[in-house]
N, C-alpha and C. Protein backbone atom coordinates (compact mmCIF):
# COMPACT_ATOMS: atom_id res chain seq x y z
N MET A 1 42.02 10.22 -3.16
CA MET A 1 41.33 9.58 -2.06
C MET A 1 39.82 9.57 -2.31
N MET A 2 39.27 10.74 -2.67
CA MET A 2 37.84 10.83 -2.91
C MET A 2 37.44 9.97 -4.12
N ARG A 3 38.27 10.00 -5.13
CA ARG A 3 37.99 9.22 -6.33
C ARG A 3 37.96 7.72 -6.02
N GLN A 4 38.90 7.26 -5.19
CA GLN A 4 38.94 5.85 -4.81
C GLN A 4 37.69 5.47 -4.02
N CYS A 5 37.25 6.36 -3.16
CA CYS A 5 36.03 6.11 -2.38
C CYS A 5 34.82 5.99 -3.30
N VAL A 6 34.71 6.88 -4.25
CA VAL A 6 33.60 6.85 -5.21
C VAL A 6 33.66 5.58 -6.05
N GLN A 7 34.84 5.17 -6.46
CA GLN A 7 34.99 3.94 -7.25
C GLN A 7 34.58 2.71 -6.45
N ARG A 8 34.93 2.68 -5.18
CA ARG A 8 34.53 1.55 -4.32
C ARG A 8 33.01 1.48 -4.18
N ILE A 9 32.41 2.63 -3.94
CA ILE A 9 30.95 2.67 -3.82
C ILE A 9 30.31 2.26 -5.14
N ASP A 10 30.86 2.73 -6.25
CA ASP A 10 30.32 2.38 -7.56
C ASP A 10 30.39 0.88 -7.80
N ARG A 11 31.49 0.25 -7.40
CA ARG A 11 31.61 -1.21 -7.57
C ARG A 11 30.62 -1.94 -6.67
N LEU A 12 30.39 -1.41 -5.50
CA LEU A 12 29.51 -2.05 -4.53
C LEU A 12 28.04 -1.93 -4.90
N VAL A 13 27.60 -0.73 -5.27
CA VAL A 13 26.17 -0.51 -5.50
C VAL A 13 25.82 -0.09 -6.93
N GLY A 14 26.79 0.27 -7.73
CA GLY A 14 26.52 0.69 -9.10
C GLY A 14 26.04 2.13 -9.17
N PHE A 15 25.75 2.57 -10.39
CA PHE A 15 25.32 3.94 -10.64
C PHE A 15 24.00 4.24 -9.94
N ARG A 16 23.01 3.40 -10.17
CA ARG A 16 21.68 3.62 -9.59
C ARG A 16 21.74 3.57 -8.06
N GLY A 17 22.49 2.63 -7.53
CA GLY A 17 22.62 2.52 -6.09
C GLY A 17 23.30 3.74 -5.48
N SER A 18 24.30 4.28 -6.18
CA SER A 18 24.97 5.47 -5.65
C SER A 18 24.02 6.67 -5.65
N VAL A 19 23.18 6.77 -6.66
CA VAL A 19 22.16 7.83 -6.67
C VAL A 19 21.24 7.66 -5.46
N LEU A 20 20.83 6.43 -5.20
CA LEU A 20 19.96 6.17 -4.05
C LEU A 20 20.65 6.49 -2.73
N LEU A 21 21.94 6.24 -2.64
CA LEU A 21 22.66 6.59 -1.40
C LEU A 21 22.70 8.11 -1.19
N PHE A 22 22.88 8.86 -2.28
CA PHE A 22 22.82 10.32 -2.16
C PHE A 22 21.42 10.77 -1.75
N LEU A 23 20.40 10.14 -2.33
CA LEU A 23 19.02 10.49 -1.95
C LEU A 23 18.73 10.11 -0.50
N ALA A 24 19.32 9.01 -0.04
CA ALA A 24 19.16 8.62 1.37
C ALA A 24 19.78 9.67 2.29
N LEU A 25 20.95 10.15 1.92
CA LEU A 25 21.61 11.20 2.70
C LEU A 25 20.75 12.46 2.75
N TRP A 26 20.26 12.88 1.60
CA TRP A 26 19.44 14.09 1.51
C TRP A 26 18.14 13.92 2.29
N SER A 27 17.49 12.79 2.11
CA SER A 27 16.21 12.55 2.80
C SER A 27 16.39 12.49 4.31
N SER A 28 17.47 11.87 4.76
CA SER A 28 17.70 11.81 6.20
C SER A 28 17.99 13.20 6.76
N ALA A 29 18.71 14.02 6.00
CA ALA A 29 18.97 15.40 6.44
C ALA A 29 17.67 16.19 6.51
N GLN A 30 16.77 15.97 5.55
CA GLN A 30 15.46 16.63 5.58
C GLN A 30 14.68 16.20 6.82
N ALA A 31 14.70 14.92 7.12
CA ALA A 31 13.97 14.41 8.28
C ALA A 31 14.52 15.02 9.57
N VAL A 32 15.83 15.05 9.69
CA VAL A 32 16.46 15.62 10.89
C VAL A 32 16.15 17.12 10.99
N ARG A 33 16.21 17.80 9.86
CA ARG A 33 15.95 19.25 9.82
C ARG A 33 14.54 19.57 10.32
N LEU A 34 13.60 18.69 10.04
CA LEU A 34 12.22 18.90 10.49
C LEU A 34 11.99 18.39 11.91
N ALA A 35 12.45 17.20 12.20
CA ALA A 35 12.18 16.58 13.50
C ALA A 35 12.89 17.31 14.64
N TRP A 36 14.08 17.81 14.39
CA TRP A 36 14.84 18.51 15.41
C TRP A 36 15.23 19.89 14.88
N ALA A 37 14.21 20.66 14.57
CA ALA A 37 14.45 21.98 13.98
C ALA A 37 15.17 22.90 14.98
N ASP A 38 16.07 23.67 14.45
CA ASP A 38 16.80 24.65 15.25
C ASP A 38 15.79 25.68 15.78
N PRO A 39 15.79 25.94 17.08
CA PRO A 39 14.83 26.90 17.65
C PRO A 39 14.86 28.28 16.99
N VAL A 40 16.00 28.66 16.45
CA VAL A 40 16.12 29.96 15.81
C VAL A 40 15.21 30.07 14.58
N ILE A 41 15.06 28.97 13.85
CA ILE A 41 14.27 29.04 12.62
C ILE A 41 12.81 28.64 12.81
N LEU A 42 12.45 28.18 13.99
CA LEU A 42 11.06 27.78 14.23
C LEU A 42 10.08 28.94 14.11
N SER A 43 10.57 30.16 14.25
CA SER A 43 9.68 31.32 14.15
C SER A 43 9.64 31.92 12.74
N THR A 44 10.37 31.33 11.80
CA THR A 44 10.33 31.84 10.43
C THR A 44 8.98 31.51 9.81
N PRO A 45 8.53 32.30 8.84
CA PRO A 45 7.21 32.06 8.24
C PRO A 45 7.03 30.65 7.68
N THR A 46 8.06 30.11 7.07
CA THR A 46 7.94 28.78 6.49
C THR A 46 7.71 27.73 7.57
N TYR A 47 8.49 27.79 8.64
CA TYR A 47 8.34 26.79 9.71
C TYR A 47 7.04 26.98 10.48
N VAL A 48 6.61 28.21 10.65
CA VAL A 48 5.31 28.45 11.30
C VAL A 48 4.21 27.81 10.45
N TYR A 49 4.30 28.01 9.13
CA TYR A 49 3.30 27.40 8.24
C TYR A 49 3.38 25.87 8.30
N LEU A 50 4.58 25.31 8.19
CA LEU A 50 4.72 23.85 8.22
C LEU A 50 4.18 23.27 9.53
N ALA A 51 4.43 23.94 10.63
CA ALA A 51 3.92 23.46 11.92
C ALA A 51 2.39 23.56 11.98
N SER A 52 1.81 24.46 11.17
CA SER A 52 0.35 24.55 11.14
C SER A 52 -0.26 23.41 10.31
N VAL A 53 0.52 22.87 9.40
CA VAL A 53 0.06 21.73 8.59
C VAL A 53 0.03 20.47 9.44
N GLY A 54 1.02 20.30 10.27
CA GLY A 54 1.10 19.14 11.15
C GLY A 54 2.33 19.24 12.02
N PRO A 55 2.39 18.43 13.08
CA PRO A 55 3.60 18.46 13.91
C PRO A 55 4.84 18.17 13.05
N LEU A 56 5.90 18.89 13.32
CA LEU A 56 7.09 18.77 12.47
C LEU A 56 7.66 17.36 12.47
N TRP A 57 7.55 16.64 13.59
CA TRP A 57 8.06 15.26 13.60
C TRP A 57 7.22 14.39 12.67
N VAL A 58 5.94 14.69 12.53
CA VAL A 58 5.09 13.96 11.58
C VAL A 58 5.49 14.31 10.16
N MET A 59 5.79 15.58 9.92
CA MET A 59 6.23 16.03 8.60
C MET A 59 7.58 15.40 8.22
N ALA A 60 8.36 15.04 9.23
CA ALA A 60 9.67 14.43 8.99
C ALA A 60 9.56 12.96 8.63
N THR A 61 8.47 12.32 9.02
CA THR A 61 8.33 10.88 8.84
C THR A 61 8.46 10.40 7.39
N PRO A 62 7.78 11.03 6.42
CA PRO A 62 7.97 10.56 5.03
C PRO A 62 9.42 10.65 4.56
N TRP A 63 10.12 11.69 5.00
CA TRP A 63 11.53 11.82 4.63
C TRP A 63 12.37 10.70 5.25
N ALA A 64 12.06 10.36 6.49
CA ALA A 64 12.81 9.28 7.15
C ALA A 64 12.54 7.94 6.47
N ILE A 65 11.29 7.70 6.11
CA ILE A 65 10.94 6.47 5.39
C ILE A 65 11.66 6.43 4.05
N CYS A 66 11.69 7.57 3.39
CA CYS A 66 12.40 7.68 2.11
C CYS A 66 13.88 7.35 2.28
N ALA A 67 14.49 7.90 3.31
CA ALA A 67 15.91 7.67 3.55
C ALA A 67 16.18 6.19 3.77
N ILE A 68 15.35 5.55 4.56
CA ILE A 68 15.54 4.12 4.83
C ILE A 68 15.36 3.30 3.55
N MET A 69 14.30 3.60 2.81
CA MET A 69 14.04 2.82 1.59
C MET A 69 15.17 3.02 0.56
N CYS A 70 15.63 4.25 0.42
CA CYS A 70 16.73 4.50 -0.53
C CYS A 70 18.00 3.78 -0.10
N ALA A 71 18.31 3.83 1.19
CA ALA A 71 19.52 3.17 1.68
C ALA A 71 19.45 1.66 1.49
N VAL A 72 18.30 1.08 1.74
CA VAL A 72 18.15 -0.37 1.59
C VAL A 72 18.18 -0.76 0.11
N GLN A 73 17.40 -0.05 -0.70
CA GLN A 73 17.30 -0.44 -2.10
C GLN A 73 18.54 -0.07 -2.92
N ALA A 74 19.44 0.70 -2.35
CA ALA A 74 20.71 0.97 -3.04
C ALA A 74 21.49 -0.32 -3.23
N PHE A 75 21.23 -1.30 -2.39
CA PHE A 75 21.96 -2.56 -2.43
C PHE A 75 21.15 -3.69 -3.07
N THR A 76 20.04 -3.36 -3.72
CA THR A 76 19.21 -4.37 -4.36
C THR A 76 19.12 -4.11 -5.85
N VAL A 77 18.65 -5.10 -6.58
CA VAL A 77 18.48 -4.95 -8.02
C VAL A 77 17.16 -4.23 -8.31
N THR A 78 16.13 -4.54 -7.55
CA THR A 78 14.83 -3.91 -7.74
C THR A 78 14.77 -2.67 -6.86
N ASP A 79 14.92 -1.51 -7.49
CA ASP A 79 15.03 -0.27 -6.72
C ASP A 79 14.01 0.79 -7.12
N TRP A 80 13.09 0.44 -7.99
CA TRP A 80 12.16 1.44 -8.54
C TRP A 80 11.29 2.08 -7.47
N SER A 81 10.93 1.34 -6.42
CA SER A 81 10.03 1.92 -5.41
C SER A 81 10.72 3.03 -4.60
N ALA A 82 12.02 2.94 -4.40
CA ALA A 82 12.73 4.00 -3.68
C ALA A 82 12.75 5.28 -4.52
N PHE A 83 13.00 5.15 -5.81
CA PHE A 83 12.97 6.32 -6.69
C PHE A 83 11.56 6.92 -6.71
N ALA A 84 10.55 6.08 -6.85
CA ALA A 84 9.17 6.56 -6.93
C ALA A 84 8.74 7.23 -5.63
N LEU A 85 9.09 6.63 -4.50
CA LEU A 85 8.72 7.21 -3.21
C LEU A 85 9.36 8.58 -3.03
N THR A 86 10.63 8.69 -3.36
CA THR A 86 11.32 9.97 -3.20
C THR A 86 10.69 11.04 -4.07
N ALA A 87 10.41 10.71 -5.32
CA ALA A 87 9.76 11.68 -6.21
C ALA A 87 8.38 12.04 -5.68
N GLY A 88 7.65 11.07 -5.18
CA GLY A 88 6.33 11.34 -4.63
C GLY A 88 6.36 12.26 -3.43
N VAL A 89 7.31 12.05 -2.54
CA VAL A 89 7.44 12.92 -1.37
C VAL A 89 7.77 14.34 -1.82
N LEU A 90 8.62 14.47 -2.81
CA LEU A 90 8.96 15.80 -3.32
C LEU A 90 7.74 16.50 -3.91
N VAL A 91 6.93 15.78 -4.67
CA VAL A 91 5.73 16.37 -5.25
C VAL A 91 4.76 16.77 -4.13
N ALA A 92 4.62 15.93 -3.13
CA ALA A 92 3.75 16.26 -1.99
C ALA A 92 4.23 17.55 -1.32
N TRP A 93 5.53 17.69 -1.15
CA TRP A 93 6.07 18.90 -0.54
C TRP A 93 5.86 20.11 -1.44
N ALA A 94 5.94 19.92 -2.74
CA ALA A 94 5.65 21.03 -3.66
C ALA A 94 4.21 21.50 -3.47
N VAL A 95 3.29 20.57 -3.30
CA VAL A 95 1.89 20.93 -3.06
C VAL A 95 1.74 21.67 -1.74
N ILE A 96 2.42 21.20 -0.71
CA ILE A 96 2.37 21.87 0.60
C ILE A 96 2.87 23.31 0.47
N TYR A 97 3.98 23.49 -0.22
CA TYR A 97 4.52 24.84 -0.42
C TYR A 97 3.60 25.68 -1.30
N LEU A 98 3.01 25.08 -2.31
CA LEU A 98 2.09 25.81 -3.19
C LEU A 98 0.90 26.34 -2.40
N ILE A 99 0.32 25.49 -1.57
CA ILE A 99 -0.81 25.93 -0.73
C ILE A 99 -0.36 27.04 0.22
N GLY A 100 0.82 26.89 0.80
CA GLY A 100 1.36 27.94 1.68
C GLY A 100 1.56 29.24 0.94
N GLY A 101 1.99 29.15 -0.31
CA GLY A 101 2.18 30.35 -1.12
C GLY A 101 0.86 31.01 -1.45
N ILE A 102 -0.13 30.21 -1.81
CA ILE A 102 -1.46 30.75 -2.13
C ILE A 102 -2.06 31.44 -0.91
N ARG A 103 -1.84 30.87 0.25
CA ARG A 103 -2.34 31.46 1.51
C ARG A 103 -1.52 32.68 1.94
N GLY A 104 -0.38 32.88 1.31
CA GLY A 104 0.48 33.99 1.69
C GLY A 104 1.33 33.70 2.92
N ALA A 105 1.41 32.43 3.30
CA ALA A 105 2.14 32.05 4.50
C ALA A 105 3.61 31.77 4.24
N VAL A 106 3.96 31.43 3.01
CA VAL A 106 5.35 31.06 2.70
C VAL A 106 5.88 32.03 1.65
N PRO A 107 6.84 32.87 2.03
CA PRO A 107 7.43 33.79 1.05
C PRO A 107 8.16 33.00 -0.05
N GLN A 108 8.01 33.45 -1.25
CA GLN A 108 8.64 32.84 -2.42
C GLN A 108 8.37 31.34 -2.51
N ALA A 109 7.16 30.95 -2.23
CA ALA A 109 6.78 29.53 -2.30
C ALA A 109 6.95 28.98 -3.70
N TYR A 110 6.80 29.82 -4.72
CA TYR A 110 6.96 29.35 -6.09
C TYR A 110 8.34 28.73 -6.29
N TRP A 111 9.36 29.32 -5.65
CA TRP A 111 10.72 28.81 -5.80
C TRP A 111 10.85 27.43 -5.18
N ALA A 112 10.29 27.23 -4.01
CA ALA A 112 10.32 25.92 -3.36
C ALA A 112 9.60 24.90 -4.24
N CYS A 113 8.48 25.31 -4.84
CA CYS A 113 7.73 24.40 -5.72
C CYS A 113 8.57 24.01 -6.93
N VAL A 114 9.20 24.98 -7.54
CA VAL A 114 10.03 24.71 -8.73
C VAL A 114 11.16 23.75 -8.38
N VAL A 115 11.83 23.99 -7.27
CA VAL A 115 12.94 23.13 -6.86
C VAL A 115 12.45 21.71 -6.61
N GLN A 116 11.35 21.57 -5.85
CA GLN A 116 10.83 20.24 -5.53
C GLN A 116 10.43 19.48 -6.80
N ILE A 117 9.73 20.15 -7.70
CA ILE A 117 9.27 19.50 -8.94
C ILE A 117 10.46 19.17 -9.85
N ALA A 118 11.42 20.08 -9.95
CA ALA A 118 12.59 19.82 -10.79
C ALA A 118 13.39 18.62 -10.28
N VAL A 119 13.59 18.55 -8.98
CA VAL A 119 14.34 17.42 -8.42
C VAL A 119 13.54 16.13 -8.58
N ALA A 120 12.24 16.18 -8.37
CA ALA A 120 11.40 14.98 -8.57
C ALA A 120 11.51 14.51 -10.02
N GLY A 121 11.49 15.44 -10.96
CA GLY A 121 11.63 15.07 -12.37
C GLY A 121 12.98 14.43 -12.67
N LEU A 122 14.04 15.00 -12.09
CA LEU A 122 15.38 14.42 -12.28
C LEU A 122 15.45 13.01 -11.69
N ILE A 123 14.85 12.82 -10.53
CA ILE A 123 14.86 11.51 -9.90
C ILE A 123 14.12 10.50 -10.76
N LEU A 124 12.96 10.88 -11.27
CA LEU A 124 12.22 9.96 -12.13
C LEU A 124 12.99 9.66 -13.41
N ARG A 125 13.68 10.65 -13.93
CA ARG A 125 14.50 10.43 -15.14
C ARG A 125 15.66 9.48 -14.84
N LEU A 126 16.33 9.71 -13.71
CA LEU A 126 17.44 8.84 -13.31
C LEU A 126 16.96 7.41 -13.06
N SER A 127 15.74 7.26 -12.59
CA SER A 127 15.22 5.93 -12.28
C SER A 127 15.07 5.07 -13.53
N ARG A 128 15.04 5.69 -14.68
CA ARG A 128 14.88 4.95 -15.93
C ARG A 128 16.21 4.63 -16.61
N TRP A 129 17.29 5.20 -16.11
CA TRP A 129 18.59 4.93 -16.70
C TRP A 129 19.08 3.56 -16.28
N PRO A 130 19.53 2.77 -17.23
CA PRO A 130 20.09 1.46 -16.86
C PRO A 130 21.51 1.62 -16.29
N GLU A 131 21.94 0.59 -15.62
CA GLU A 131 23.32 0.57 -15.15
C GLU A 131 24.24 0.62 -16.37
N PRO A 132 25.33 1.41 -16.30
CA PRO A 132 26.27 1.40 -17.43
C PRO A 132 26.91 0.02 -17.59
N SER A 133 27.22 -0.34 -18.82
CA SER A 133 27.88 -1.63 -19.04
C SER A 133 29.32 -1.54 -18.57
N GLU A 134 29.91 -2.68 -18.33
CA GLU A 134 31.29 -2.75 -17.85
C GLU A 134 32.27 -2.11 -18.85
N ARG A 135 31.98 -2.23 -20.14
CA ARG A 135 32.89 -1.71 -21.16
C ARG A 135 32.97 -0.18 -21.11
N ARG A 136 31.91 0.48 -20.70
CA ARG A 136 31.87 1.93 -20.75
C ARG A 136 32.55 2.57 -19.54
N ARG A 137 32.83 1.84 -18.50
CA ARG A 137 33.43 2.41 -17.30
C ARG A 137 34.84 2.70 -17.51
């Protein structure tokens, strides 16, 4: 069942488009996580720091824009801007976490930076991969 679903999506949007759909899912989850943060975690050091940078709904906006752009461009041939935007948002978040770590406001900020930069690098790498040819599928 799952394999058939993946094959249908692959036929509809291709390899690059399916990557963008996963990024849209992730970005939308990030936006929701920030815009409607669970009250239990609002007092954690990371969320206190993020709220000091700006209102959390404002911090969610780039993720929401990313989600929309990835979802739309998953169905287009020209998709480079969705990949670039997502990588850019990740790098911006790495900088936010780095500053929080330097200030001592975010515990283990180095780890958040590494994750954000690694994922941004993977996204940029994936953005350069061409669609597989029909013969290779």
